[in-house]
């Protein structure tokens, strides 16, 4: 509802909460509410993002069922899925492995005897994000095909729900016409919502972990700059690399943007 349609003196309707509090997952949030193409709002309670779902409690599962979650997209690799497996009955699961992970890259460097510095960690994160653009493009293209197949509520995630998931969320919002500065603001919400797992402590100096387990503007910017440099902008990348032509973009908008009031 547009506030201009409310009777004089009526309070504006409260926006739906973006973050969904769960005991067994963090960083679970809704992509709805942002203004996209033509000022049309991204529909609430249709597309969610999260960290992994292996720790969901019975109450959490009931909450997801109440939200109508009917599909999951899991960007984790095979080993990650095996270590933190989950099953949601009656939910359609899609596995789109995006590898190698930042953690895998960091472990390889440590095995080579290299002590990571915070600067190394930032460079590693940026390299990983650039890899999303090229090496992992087929998985993100498939993700859009899943989004276009139907509009049943969906949650997509990786392990921490911040890098692979963050890039996927940026792609969705940009494809729906959400301005880049707003997309970045949504991306950075991870730092307020994500709970770093206890097992992450002790594997590297804290100043390095503080880089690897958070997000920075420079990470997503590295991927978006790669898109701009190699393809001349997001529109060409969506069409030529991810297969989201004009008709598909109209279909996406029809499914996930609300009509103008």
C-alpha atoms as a PDB file:
ATOM      1  CA  UNK A   1       0.000   0.000   0.000  1.00  0.00           C
ATOM      2  CA  UNK A   2       1.237   3.481  -0.820  1.00  0.00           C
ATOM      3  CA  UNK A   3       1.101   5.813   2.180  1.00  0.00           C
ATOM      4  CA  UNK A   4      -0.629   8.387  -0.054  1.00  0.00           C
ATOM      5  CA  UNK A   5      -3.678   6.083  -0.067  1.00  0.00           C
ATOM      6  CA  UNK A   6      -3.993   6.119   3.738  1.00  0.00           C
ATOM      7  CA  UNK A   7      -6.576   8.325   5.463  1.00  0.00           C
ATOM      8  CA  UNK A   8      -5.155  11.515   6.961  1.00  0.00           C
ATOM      9  CA  UNK A   9      -3.587  10.875  10.325  1.00  0.00           C
ATOM     10  CA  UNK A  10      -3.268   7.122   9.789  1.00  0.00           C
ATOM     11  CA  UNK A  11       0.058   5.600  10.768  1.00  0.00           C
ATOM     12  CA  UNK A  12       2.137   4.191   7.932  1.00  0.00           C
ATOM     13  CA  UNK A  13       2.088   0.383   7.786  1.00  0.00           C
ATOM     14  CA  UNK A  14       5.043  -1.283   9.469  1.00  0.00           C
ATOM     15  CA  UNK A  15       7.470  -2.855   6.982  1.00  0.00           C
ATOM     16  CA  UNK A  16       7.919  -6.587   7.241  1.00  0.00           C
ATOM     17  CA  UNK A  17      11.050  -7.588   9.165  1.00  0.00           C
ATOM     18  CA  UNK A  18      13.928  -8.353   6.823  1.00  0.00           C
ATOM     19  CA  UNK A  19      15.850 -10.600   9.205  1.00  0.00           C
ATOM     20  CA  UNK A  20      14.131 -13.828  10.239  1.00  0.00           C
ATOM     21  CA  UNK A  21      15.402 -14.852  13.691  1.00  0.00           C
ATOM     22  CA  UNK A  22      16.253 -18.551  13.889  1.00  0.00           C
ATOM     23  CA  UNK A  23      18.010 -20.461  16.663  1.00  0.00           C
ATOM     24  CA  UNK A  24      19.903 -22.777  14.320  1.00  0.00           C
ATOM     25  CA  UNK A  25      20.825 -20.420  11.476  1.00  0.00           C
ATOM     26  CA  UNK A  26      21.947 -16.837  11.159  1.00  0.00           C
ATOM     27  CA  UNK A  27      21.924 -14.288   8.389  1.00  0.00           C
ATOM     28  CA  UNK A  28      18.510 -15.608   7.270  1.00  0.00           C
ATOM     29  CA  UNK A  29      16.810 -12.671   5.628  1.00  0.00           C
ATOM     30  CA  UNK A  30      14.267 -11.548   3.062  1.00  0.00           C
ATOM     31  CA  UNK A  31      15.223  -9.766  -0.170  1.00  0.00           C
ATOM     32  CA  UNK A  32      11.830  -8.087  -0.378  1.00  0.00           C
ATOM     33  CA  UNK A  33      10.985  -4.427  -0.085  1.00  0.00           C
ATOM     34  CA  UNK A  34      13.654  -2.814  -2.241  1.00  0.00           C
ATOM     35  CA  UNK A  35      12.567  -0.552  -5.109  1.00  0.00           C
ATOM     36  CA  UNK A  36      13.367  -2.090  -8.504  1.00  0.00           C
ATOM     37  CA  UNK A  37      12.437  -1.329 -12.115  1.00  0.00           C
ATOM     38  CA  UNK A  38       9.870   1.447 -12.437  1.00  0.00           C
ATOM     39  CA  UNK A  39       9.761   1.880  -8.668  1.00  0.00           C
ATOM     40  CA  UNK A  40       8.148  -1.535  -8.290  1.00  0.00           C
ATOM     41  CA  UNK A  41       8.959  -3.169  -4.970  1.00  0.00           C
ATOM     42  CA  UNK A  42      10.640  -6.554  -4.700  1.00  0.00           C
ATOM     43  CA  UNK A  43       7.970  -8.878  -3.318  1.00  0.00           C
ATOM     44  CA  UNK A  44       8.284  -9.839   0.331  1.00  0.00           C
ATOM     45  CA  UNK A  45       8.392 -13.439   1.526  1.00  0.00           C
ATOM     46  CA  UNK A  46       9.389 -14.883  -1.840  1.00  0.00           C
ATOM     47  CA  UNK A  47      13.199 -14.924  -1.935  1.00  0.00           C
ATOM     48  CA  UNK A  48      15.313 -15.507   1.161  1.00  0.00           C
ATOM     49  CA  UNK A  49      19.045 -15.881   1.752  1.00  0.00           C
ATOM     50  CA  UNK A  50      20.809 -17.602   4.636  1.00  0.00           C
ATOM     51  CA  UNK A  51      23.845 -19.399   5.941  1.00  0.00           C
ATOM     52  CA  UNK A  52      23.674 -23.226   6.009  1.00  0.00           C
ATOM     53  CA  UNK A  53      20.524 -24.894   7.344  1.00  0.00           C
ATOM     54  CA  UNK A  54      22.042 -27.933   9.052  1.00  0.00           C
ATOM     55  CA  UNK A  55      21.483 -26.586  12.565  1.00  0.00           C
ATOM     56  CA  UNK A  56      17.783 -25.795  12.291  1.00  0.00           C
ATOM     57  CA  UNK A  57      15.747 -26.639  15.369  1.00  0.00           C
ATOM     58  CA  UNK A  58      12.197 -28.051  15.191  1.00  0.00           C
ATOM     59  CA  UNK A  59      10.896 -24.554  15.898  1.00  0.00           C
ATOM     60  CA  UNK A  60      13.069 -23.174  13.075  1.00  0.00           C
ATOM     61  CA  UNK A  61      11.687 -25.764  10.677  1.00  0.00           C
ATOM     62  CA  UNK A  62       8.167 -24.833  11.685  1.00  0.00           C
ATOM     63  CA  UNK A  63       9.015 -21.179  11.038  1.00  0.00           C
ATOM     64  CA  UNK A  64      10.270 -22.001   7.531  1.00  0.00           C
ATOM     65  CA  UNK A  65       7.127 -24.010   6.854  1.00  0.00           C
ATOM     66  CA  UNK A  66       5.008 -21.067   8.008  1.00  0.00           C
ATOM     67  CA  UNK A  67       6.910 -18.844   5.573  1.00  0.00           C
ATOM     68  CA  UNK A  68       5.962 -21.273   2.806  1.00  0.00           C
ATOM     69  CA  UNK A  69       9.570 -22.161   1.924  1.00  0.00           C
ATOM     70  CA  UNK A  70       9.198 -24.723  -0.849  1.00  0.00           C
ATOM     71  CA  UNK A  71      12.656 -24.671  -2.457  1.00  0.00           C
ATOM     72  CA  UNK A  72      16.279 -24.470  -1.390  1.00  0.00           C
ATOM     73  CA  UNK A  73      19.335 -23.716  -3.507  1.00  0.00           C
ATOM     74  CA  UNK A  74      22.597 -24.889  -1.937  1.00  0.00           C
ATOM     75  CA  UNK A  75      25.821 -23.382  -3.308  1.00  0.00           C
ATOM     76  CA  UNK A  76      28.055 -25.541  -1.094  1.00  0.00           C
ATOM     77  CA  UNK A  77      30.476 -28.114  -2.448  1.00  0.00           C
ATOM     78  CA  UNK A  78      30.107 -31.855  -1.873  1.00  0.00           C
ATOM     79  CA  UNK A  79      32.400 -31.953   1.174  1.00  0.00           C
ATOM     80  CA  UNK A  80      30.666 -28.987   2.781  1.00  0.00           C
ATOM     81  CA  UNK A  81      27.261 -30.598   2.270  1.00  0.00           C
ATOM     82  CA  UNK A  82      28.486 -33.878   3.773  1.00  0.00           C
ATOM     83  CA  UNK A  83      29.890 -32.147   6.857  1.00  0.00           C
ATOM     84  CA  UNK A  84      26.763 -30.090   7.488  1.00  0.00           C
ATOM     85  CA  UNK A  85      23.967 -32.090   5.921  1.00  0.00           C
ATOM     86  CA  UNK A  86      20.288 -31.288   6.273  1.00  0.00           C
ATOM     87  CA  UNK A  87      16.996 -32.465   4.883  1.00  0.00           C
ATOM     88  CA  UNK A  88      13.738 -30.557   4.806  1.00  0.00           C
ATOM     89  CA  UNK A  89      10.902 -32.917   3.909  1.00  0.00           C
ATOM     90  CA  UNK A  90       8.462 -31.611   1.323  1.00  0.00           C
ATOM     91  CA  UNK A  91      11.018 -29.057   0.149  1.00  0.00           C
ATOM     92  CA  UNK A  92      12.567 -29.152  -3.332  1.00  0.00           C
ATOM     93  CA  UNK A  93      16.375 -29.106  -3.095  1.00  0.00           C
ATOM     94  CA  UNK A  94      18.784 -27.834  -5.766  1.00  0.00           C
ATOM     95  CA  UNK A  95      22.549 -28.273  -5.447  1.00  0.00           C
ATOM     96  CA  UNK A  96      24.734 -25.832  -7.375  1.00  0.00           C
ATOM     97  CA  UNK A  97      28.288 -26.298  -6.116  1.00  0.00           C
ATOM     98  CA  UNK A  98      30.421 -23.146  -6.309  1.00  0.00           C
ATOM     99  CA  UNK A  99      34.054 -23.990  -5.536  1.00  0.00           C
ATOM    100  CA  UNK A 100      36.809 -23.557  -4.474  1.00  0.00           C
ATOM    101  CA  UNK A 101      35.810 -21.766  -1.312  1.00  0.00           C
ATOM    102  CA  UNK A 102      37.836 -19.067   0.397  1.00  0.00           C
ATOM    103  CA  UNK A 103      38.585 -21.500   3.209  1.00  0.00           C
ATOM    104  CA  UNK A 104      39.946 -24.063   0.738  1.00  0.00           C
ATOM    105  CA  UNK A 105      42.194 -21.430  -0.822  1.00  0.00           C
ATOM    106  CA  UNK A 106      43.417 -20.268   2.589  1.00  0.00           C
ATOM    107  CA  UNK A 107      44.225 -23.841   3.668  1.00  0.00           C
ATOM    108  CA  UNK A 108      46.209 -24.425   0.475  1.00  0.00           C
ATOM    109  CA  UNK A 109      48.304 -21.324   1.162  1.00  0.00           C
ATOM    110  CA  UNK A 110      48.917 -22.389   4.754  1.00  0.00           C
ATOM    111  CA  UNK A 111      50.023 -25.837   3.574  1.00  0.00           C
ATOM    112  CA  UNK A 112      52.565 -24.091   1.388  1.00  0.00           C
ATOM    113  CA  UNK A 113      53.949 -22.520   4.556  1.00  0.00           C
ATOM    114  CA  UNK A 114      52.577 -19.058   3.917  1.00  0.00           C
ATOM    115  CA  UNK A 115      51.381 -17.116   6.959  1.00  0.00           C
ATOM    116  CA  UNK A 116      48.314 -15.144   5.927  1.00  0.00           C
ATOM    117  CA  UNK A 117      48.136 -11.452   6.719  1.00  0.00           C
ATOM    118  CA  UNK A 118      44.913  -9.416   6.719  1.00  0.00           C
ATOM    119  CA  UNK A 119      46.029  -7.939   3.382  1.00  0.00           C
ATOM    120  CA  UNK A 120      46.479 -11.461   1.980  1.00  0.00           C
ATOM    121  CA  UNK A 121      43.004 -12.328   3.201  1.00  0.00           C
ATOM    122  CA  UNK A 122      41.454  -9.317   1.467  1.00  0.00           C
ATOM    123  CA  UNK A 123      43.241 -10.195  -1.791  1.00  0.00           C
ATOM    124  CA  UNK A 124      42.091 -13.810  -1.424  1.00  0.00           C
ATOM    125  CA  UNK A 125      38.495 -12.728  -0.967  1.00  0.00           C
ATOM    126  CA  UNK A 126      38.662 -10.448  -3.992  1.00  0.00           C
ATOM    127  CA  UNK A 127      40.157 -13.228  -6.119  1.00  0.00           C
ATOM    128  CA  UNK A 128      37.356 -15.539  -5.015  1.00  0.00           C
ATOM    129  CA  UNK A 129      34.685 -13.008  -5.965  1.00  0.00           C
ATOM    130  CA  UNK A 130      36.244 -12.491  -9.393  1.00  0.00           C
ATOM    131  CA  UNK A 131      36.040 -16.250  -9.818  1.00  0.00           C
ATOM    132  CA  UNK A 132      32.289 -16.095  -9.329  1.00  0.00           C
ATOM    133  CA  UNK A 133      32.012 -13.961 -12.457  1.00  0.00           C
ATOM    134  CA  UNK A 134      33.723 -16.374 -14.859  1.00  0.00           C
ATOM    135  CA  UNK A 135      34.447 -19.851 -13.523  1.00  0.00           C
ATOM    136  CA  UNK A 136      31.180 -20.211 -11.640  1.00  0.00           C
ATOM    137  CA  UNK A 137      28.878 -18.413 -14.071  1.00  0.00           C
ATOM    138  CA  UNK A 138      27.128 -21.668 -15.153  1.00  0.00           C
ATOM    139  CA  UNK A 139      25.909 -22.242 -11.585  1.00  0.00           C
ATOM    140  CA  UNK A 140      24.534 -18.726 -11.295  1.00  0.00           C
ATOM    141  CA  UNK A 141      22.899 -19.075 -14.715  1.00  0.00           C
ATOM    142  CA  UNK A 142      21.188 -22.241 -13.460  1.00  0.00           C
ATOM    143  CA  UNK A 143      20.113 -20.351 -10.364  1.00  0.00           C
ATOM    144  CA  UNK A 144      18.190 -17.893 -12.519  1.00  0.00           C
ATOM    145  CA  UNK A 145      16.561 -20.788 -14.372  1.00  0.00           C
ATOM    146  CA  UNK A 146      15.369 -22.104 -11.018  1.00  0.00           C
ATOM    147  CA  UNK A 147      13.989 -18.683 -10.093  1.00  0.00           C
ATOM    148  CA  UNK A 148      12.142 -18.523 -13.400  1.00  0.00           C
ATOM    149  CA  UNK A 149      10.743 -22.051 -13.201  1.00  0.00           C
ATOM    150  CA  UNK A 150       8.140 -21.064 -10.602  1.00  0.00           C
ATOM    151  CA  UNK A 151       7.664 -18.437  -7.933  1.00  0.00           C
ATOM    152  CA  UNK A 152       7.226 -20.639  -4.860  1.00  0.00           C
ATOM    153  CA  UNK A 153       9.147 -19.158  -1.892  1.00  0.00           C
ATOM    154  CA  UNK A 154      12.820 -20.069  -2.019  1.00  0.00           C
ATOM    155  CA  UNK A 155      15.883 -19.801   0.210  1.00  0.00           C
ATOM    156  CA  UNK A 156      19.386 -19.926  -1.216  1.00  0.00           C
ATOM    157  CA  UNK A 157      22.502 -20.369   0.876  1.00  0.00           C
ATOM    158  CA  UNK A 158      26.091 -21.558   1.147  1.00  0.00           C
ATOM    159  CA  UNK A 159      27.966 -22.303   4.376  1.00  0.00           C
ATOM    160  CA  UNK A 160      28.237 -18.810   5.863  1.00  0.00           C
ATOM    161  CA  UNK A 161      25.657 -17.234   3.582  1.00  0.00           C
ATOM    162  CA  UNK A 162      27.890 -14.276   2.843  1.00  0.00           C
ATOM    163  CA  UNK A 163      30.082 -14.711  -0.259  1.00  0.00           C
ATOM    164  CA  UNK A 164      28.554 -17.089  -2.792  1.00  0.00           C
ATOM    165  CA  UNK A 165      25.167 -16.210  -1.369  1.00  0.00           C
ATOM    166  CA  UNK A 166      26.050 -12.514  -1.288  1.00  0.00           C
ATOM    167  CA  UNK A 167      27.025 -12.480  -4.939  1.00  0.00           C
ATOM    168  CA  UNK A 168      23.864 -14.380  -5.906  1.00  0.00           C
ATOM    169  CA  UNK A 169      21.729 -11.913  -3.953  1.00  0.00           C
ATOM    170  CA  UNK A 170      23.440  -9.001  -5.701  1.00  0.00           C
ATOM    171  CA  UNK A 171      22.742 -10.575  -9.098  1.00  0.00           C
ATOM    172  CA  UNK A 172      19.055 -11.039  -8.303  1.00  0.00           C
ATOM    173  CA  UNK A 173      18.561  -7.519  -7.001  1.00  0.00           C
ATOM    174  CA  UNK A 174      20.500  -5.913  -9.861  1.00  0.00           C
ATOM    175  CA  UNK A 175      18.525  -7.948 -12.413  1.00  0.00           C
ATOM    176  CA  UNK A 176      15.339  -6.624 -10.790  1.00  0.00           C
ATOM    177  CA  UNK A 177      16.582  -3.045 -11.128  1.00  0.00           C
ATOM    178  CA  UNK A 178      17.585  -2.342  -7.535  1.00  0.00           C
ATOM    179  CA  UNK A 179      20.258   0.413  -7.531  1.00  0.00           C
ATOM    180  CA  UNK A 180      23.816  -0.726  -6.922  1.00  0.00           C
ATOM    181  CA  UNK A 181      24.262   1.350  -3.757  1.00  0.00           C
ATOM    182  CA  UNK A 182      21.173  -0.303  -2.242  1.00  0.00           C
ATOM    183  CA  UNK A 183      22.458  -3.729  -3.292  1.00  0.00           C
ATOM    184  CA  UNK A 184      25.729  -2.993  -1.520  1.00  0.00           C
ATOM    185  CA  UNK A 185      23.890  -1.932   1.606  1.00  0.00           C
ATOM    186  CA  UNK A 186      21.966  -5.210   1.608  1.00  0.00           C
ATOM    187  CA  UNK A 187      25.202  -7.140   1.080  1.00  0.00           C
ATOM    188  CA  UNK A 188      26.855  -5.468   4.091  1.00  0.00           C
ATOM    189  CA  UNK A 189      23.968  -6.435   6.385  1.00  0.00           C
ATOM    190  CA  UNK A 190      25.798  -9.738   6.822  1.00  0.00           C
ATOM    191  CA  UNK A 191      28.158  -8.036   9.264  1.00  0.00           C
ATOM    192  CA  UNK A 192      25.245  -7.254  11.580  1.00  0.00           C
ATOM    193  CA  UNK A 193      23.466 -10.600  11.270  1.00  0.00           C
ATOM    194  CA  UNK A 194      25.968 -13.408  10.752  1.00  0.00           C
ATOM    195  CA  UNK A 195      27.108 -15.430  13.763  1.00  0.00           C
ATOM    196  CA  UNK A 196      30.598 -16.790  13.221  1.00  0.00           C
ATOM    197  CA  UNK A 197      30.850 -20.458  14.239  1.00  0.00           C
ATOM    198  CA  UNK A 198      32.964 -21.395  17.240  1.00  0.00           C
ATOM    199  CA  UNK A 199      34.961 -23.860  15.141  1.00  0.00           C
ATOM    200  CA  UNK A 200      36.361 -20.923  13.165  1.00  0.00           C
ATOM    201  CA  UNK A 201      38.521 -19.816  16.090  1.00  0.00           C
ATOM    202  CA  UNK A 202      42.181 -20.760  16.307  1.00  0.00           C
ATOM    203  CA  UNK A 203      42.872 -21.631  12.654  1.00  0.00           C
ATOM    204  CA  UNK A 204      44.451 -18.258  11.870  1.00  0.00           C
ATOM    205  CA  UNK A 205      45.227 -14.977  13.635  1.00  0.00           C
ATOM    206  CA  UNK A 206      42.114 -13.129  14.707  1.00  0.00           C
ATOM    207  CA  UNK A 207      42.859 -10.195  12.402  1.00  0.00           C
ATOM    208  CA  UNK A 208      42.805 -12.641   9.466  1.00  0.00           C
ATOM    209  CA  UNK A 209      39.631 -14.371  10.669  1.00  0.00           C
ATOM    210  CA  UNK A 210      38.001 -10.959  10.986  1.00  0.00           C
ATOM    211  CA  UNK A 211      38.467 -10.585   7.224  1.00  0.00           C
ATOM    212  CA  UNK A 212      37.522 -14.123   6.196  1.00  0.00           C
ATOM    213  CA  UNK A 213      34.345 -14.339   8.294  1.00  0.00           C
ATOM    214  CA  UNK A 214      32.955 -10.913   7.430  1.00  0.00           C
ATOM    215  CA  UNK A 215      32.179  -9.024   4.255  1.00  0.00           C
ATOM    216  CA  UNK A 216      33.693  -5.829   2.931  1.00  0.00           C
ATOM    217  CA  UNK A 217      32.613  -3.474   0.192  1.00  0.00           C
ATOM    218  CA  UNK A 218      35.871  -4.290  -1.602  1.00  0.00           C
ATOM    219  CA  UNK A 219      34.861  -7.950  -2.023  1.00  0.00           C
ATOM    220  CA  UNK A 220      31.628  -7.406  -3.924  1.00  0.00           C
ATOM    221  CA  UNK A 221      33.160  -4.441  -5.743  1.00  0.00           C
ATOM    222  CA  UNK A 222      35.869  -6.771  -7.100  1.00  0.00           C
ATOM    223  CA  UNK A 223      33.216  -8.935  -8.772  1.00  0.00           C
ATOM    224  CA  UNK A 224      31.138  -6.031 -10.057  1.00  0.00           C
ATOM    225  CA  UNK A 225      34.220  -4.287 -11.430  1.00  0.00           C
ATOM    226  CA  UNK A 226      35.163  -7.523 -13.199  1.00  0.00           C
ATOM    227  CA  UNK A 227      31.709  -7.567 -14.796  1.00  0.00           C
ATOM    228  CA  UNK A 228      32.103  -3.950 -15.888  1.00  0.00           C
ATOM    229  CA  UNK A 229      35.622  -4.452 -17.252  1.00  0.00           C
ATOM    230  CA  UNK A 230      35.010  -7.721 -19.102  1.00  0.00           C
ATOM    231  CA  UNK A 231      31.422  -7.227 -20.290  1.00  0.00           C
ATOM    232  CA  UNK A 232      30.789  -3.493 -20.245  1.00  0.00           C
ATOM    233  CA  UNK A 233      28.220  -3.714 -17.470  1.00  0.00           C
ATOM    234  CA  UNK A 234      25.718  -5.908 -15.680  1.00  0.00           C
ATOM    235  CA  UNK A 235      23.090  -5.834 -18.428  1.00  0.00           C
ATOM    236  CA  UNK A 236      25.419  -7.479 -20.963  1.00  0.00           C
ATOM    237  CA  UNK A 237      26.609  -9.977 -18.353  1.00  0.00           C
ATOM    238  CA  UNK A 238      23.047 -10.971 -17.503  1.00  0.00           C
ATOM    239  CA  UNK A 239      22.196 -11.536 -21.152  1.00  0.00           C
ATOM    240  CA  UNK A 240      25.386 -12.951 -22.662  1.00  0.00           C
ATOM    241  CA  UNK A 241      26.711 -14.968 -19.725  1.00  0.00           C
ATOM    242  CA  UNK A 242      23.756 -15.828 -17.526  1.00  0.00           C
ATOM    243  CA  UNK A 243      21.247 -16.244 -20.351  1.00  0.00           C
ATOM    244  CA  UNK A 244      18.805 -13.712 -18.947  1.00  0.00           C
ATOM    245  CA  UNK A 245      17.574 -12.040 -22.121  1.00  0.00           C
ATOM    246  CA  UNK A 246      14.961  -9.287 -22.246  1.00  0.00           C
ATOM    247  CA  UNK A 247      12.074 -11.757 -22.188  1.00  0.00           C
ATOM    248  CA  UNK A 248      13.550 -13.611 -19.222  1.00  0.00           C
ATOM    249  CA  UNK A 249      14.133 -10.350 -17.369  1.00  0.00           C
ATOM    250  CA  UNK A 250      10.498  -9.374 -17.939  1.00  0.00           C
ATOM    251  CA  UNK A 251       9.433 -12.774 -16.629  1.00  0.00           C
ATOM    252  CA  UNK A 252      11.677 -12.373 -13.585  1.00  0.00           C
ATOM    253  CA  UNK A 253      10.207  -8.945 -12.886  1.00  0.00           C
ATOM    254  CA  UNK A 254       6.700 -10.304 -13.311  1.00  0.00           C
ATOM    255  CA  UNK A 255       7.356 -12.998 -10.732  1.00  0.00           C
ATOM    256  CA  UNK A 256       9.261 -11.026  -8.117  1.00  0.00           C
ATOM    257  CA  UNK A 257       8.315  -7.339  -8.443  1.00  0.00           C
ATOM    258  CA  UNK A 258       4.971  -6.115  -7.144  1.00  0.00           C
ATOM    259  CA  UNK A 259       2.645  -4.266  -9.543  1.00  0.00           C
ATOM    260  CA  UNK A 260       2.591  -0.501  -9.278  1.00  0.00           C
ATOM    261  CA  UNK A 261      -0.145   0.471  -6.855  1.00  0.00           C
END
